[in-house]
Amino acid sequence: MEKFFLVLALFTLSASATHGDEVGVVVKTYRACDLFIVESPSGFHVLEWWHGPQPALQDQIVGVLNRYDTTEIWLLDQHSKVDITMEKHVETMDEALLVASDLCIIDDC
């Protein structure tokens, strides 16, 4: 019986890991060019908002954050789905800020 629960637990963990969902927090927004930066356990993600409510600072999100195409994420704080495109995944906030400033050429970003 213990072996059954161990196998079930391992199957559940592997199934969720292959799904690719991550939890992150919005740490910077650029309203003028629809970009925002999310911090997650795997690093920092520069994302572009496409559709749905715009993420706000400190919003918690869940979704596949490391896919370089348009995808759907959940804004937990707003109970809403949002379409985004991942522009770049980097390891530090400084790198994320540099990427975002290169993508957002507007002075007030």
Protein backbone atom coordinates (compact mmCIF):
# COMPACT_ATOMS: atom_id res chain seq x y z
CA MET A 1 0.00 0.00 0.00
CA GLU A 2 2.86 2.43 0.79
CA LYS A 3 4.36 1.73 -2.61
CA PHE A 4 1.05 2.67 -4.27
CA PHE A 5 0.97 6.08 -2.53
CA LEU A 6 4.63 6.68 -3.39
CA VAL A 7 3.97 5.95 -7.07
CA LEU A 8 0.84 8.13 -7.00
CA ALA A 9 2.78 11.01 -5.41
CA LEU A 10 5.60 10.75 -7.97
CA PHE A 11 3.10 10.63 -10.84
CA THR A 12 1.31 13.73 -9.54
CA LEU A 13 4.58 15.66 -9.17
CA SER A 14 5.80 14.72 -12.63
CA ALA A 15 2.45 15.59 -14.23
CA SER A 16 2.46 19.07 -12.72
CA ALA A 17 6.11 19.63 -13.63
CA THR A 18 5.54 18.78 -17.28
CA HIS A 19 2.60 21.19 -17.42
CA GLY A 20 5.08 24.04 -16.89
CA ASP A 21 2.97 26.36 -14.75
CA GLU A 22 4.88 28.80 -12.56
CA VAL A 23 3.73 31.25 -9.93
CA GLY A 24 5.15 34.74 -10.12
CA VAL A 25 4.68 38.30 -8.89
CA VAL A 26 4.53 41.45 -11.02
CA VAL A 27 7.46 43.63 -9.93
CA LYS A 28 7.39 46.38 -12.59
CA THR A 29 4.88 47.67 -15.13
CA TYR A 30 5.32 49.82 -18.24
CA ARG A 31 1.83 51.07 -19.16
CA ALA A 32 3.02 53.16 -22.13
CA CYS A 33 4.16 50.05 -24.02
CA ASP A 34 2.17 47.23 -22.34
CA LEU A 35 5.22 45.50 -20.83
CA PHE A 36 5.58 44.14 -17.34
CA ILE A 37 8.21 42.19 -15.41
CA VAL A 38 7.39 39.13 -13.33
CA GLU A 39 9.64 37.51 -10.74
CA SER A 40 9.29 33.74 -10.37
CA PRO A 41 11.39 30.95 -8.87
CA SER A 42 13.11 30.48 -12.26
CA GLY A 43 14.09 34.15 -12.67
CA PHE A 44 12.60 37.26 -14.23
CA HIS A 45 10.27 37.37 -17.21
CA VAL A 46 9.69 40.38 -19.45
CA LEU A 47 6.12 39.94 -20.70
CA GLU A 48 3.95 41.90 -23.11
CA TRP A 49 0.25 42.28 -22.32
CA TRP A 50 -2.18 41.60 -25.20
CA HIS A 51 -5.69 41.07 -23.91
CA GLY A 52 -7.60 41.10 -20.64
CA PRO A 53 -7.07 43.20 -17.54
CA GLN A 54 -3.64 44.76 -17.32
CA PRO A 55 -1.50 43.35 -14.52
CA ALA A 56 -0.77 45.68 -11.62
CA LEU A 57 2.24 45.83 -9.32
CA GLN A 58 2.33 42.93 -6.85
CA ASP A 59 -0.33 40.92 -8.75
CA GLN A 60 0.26 37.20 -8.42
CA ILE A 61 0.14 35.27 -11.68
CA VAL A 62 0.13 31.61 -12.66
CA GLY A 63 0.94 30.18 -16.05
CA VAL A 64 3.61 29.02 -18.44
CA LEU A 65 6.07 31.89 -18.24
CA ASN A 66 8.97 30.51 -20.28
CA ARG A 67 7.22 29.98 -23.63
CA TYR A 68 8.24 32.38 -26.41
CA ASP A 69 4.80 32.81 -27.94
CA THR A 70 1.40 34.17 -27.02
CA THR A 71 -0.13 32.29 -24.13
CA GLU A 72 -2.74 32.69 -21.41
CA ILE A 73 -1.93 33.29 -17.75
CA TRP A 74 -4.08 33.78 -14.65
CA LEU A 75 -4.05 36.96 -12.59
CA LEU A 76 -4.88 35.52 -9.20
CA ASP A 77 -5.56 38.88 -7.55
CA GLN A 78 -7.98 39.95 -10.29
CA HIS A 79 -9.50 36.47 -10.88
CA SER A 80 -8.96 36.92 -14.62
CA LYS A 81 -7.23 35.39 -17.60
CA VAL A 82 -4.77 37.50 -19.56
CA ASP A 83 -3.11 36.91 -22.94
CA ILE A 84 0.61 37.67 -22.94
CA THR A 85 3.72 37.16 -25.02
CA MET A 86 6.97 36.33 -23.29
CA GLU A 87 9.65 38.66 -24.64
CA LYS A 88 12.63 37.46 -22.61
CA HIS A 89 13.57 35.32 -19.59
CA VAL A 90 16.61 36.49 -17.60
CA GLU A 91 18.23 35.75 -14.25
CA THR A 92 18.37 39.18 -12.63
CA MET A 93 16.13 42.22 -12.23
CA ASP A 94 18.84 44.45 -13.73
CA GLU A 95 18.82 42.33 -16.91
CA ALA A 96 15.02 42.46 -17.04
CA LEU A 97 15.03 46.26 -16.67
CA LEU A 98 17.58 46.53 -19.49
CA VAL A 99 15.51 44.31 -21.81
CA ALA A 100 12.33 46.24 -21.01
CA SER A 101 14.01 49.60 -21.62
CA ASP A 102 15.29 48.35 -24.99
CA LEU A 103 11.78 47.22 -25.95
CA CYS A 104 9.99 50.29 -24.60
CA ILE A 105 11.47 53.26 -26.43
CA ILE A 106 9.01 55.77 -24.94
CA ASP A 107 10.63 58.37 -22.64
CA ASP A 108 8.18 57.97 -19.75
CA CYS A 109 8.52 54.17 -19.48
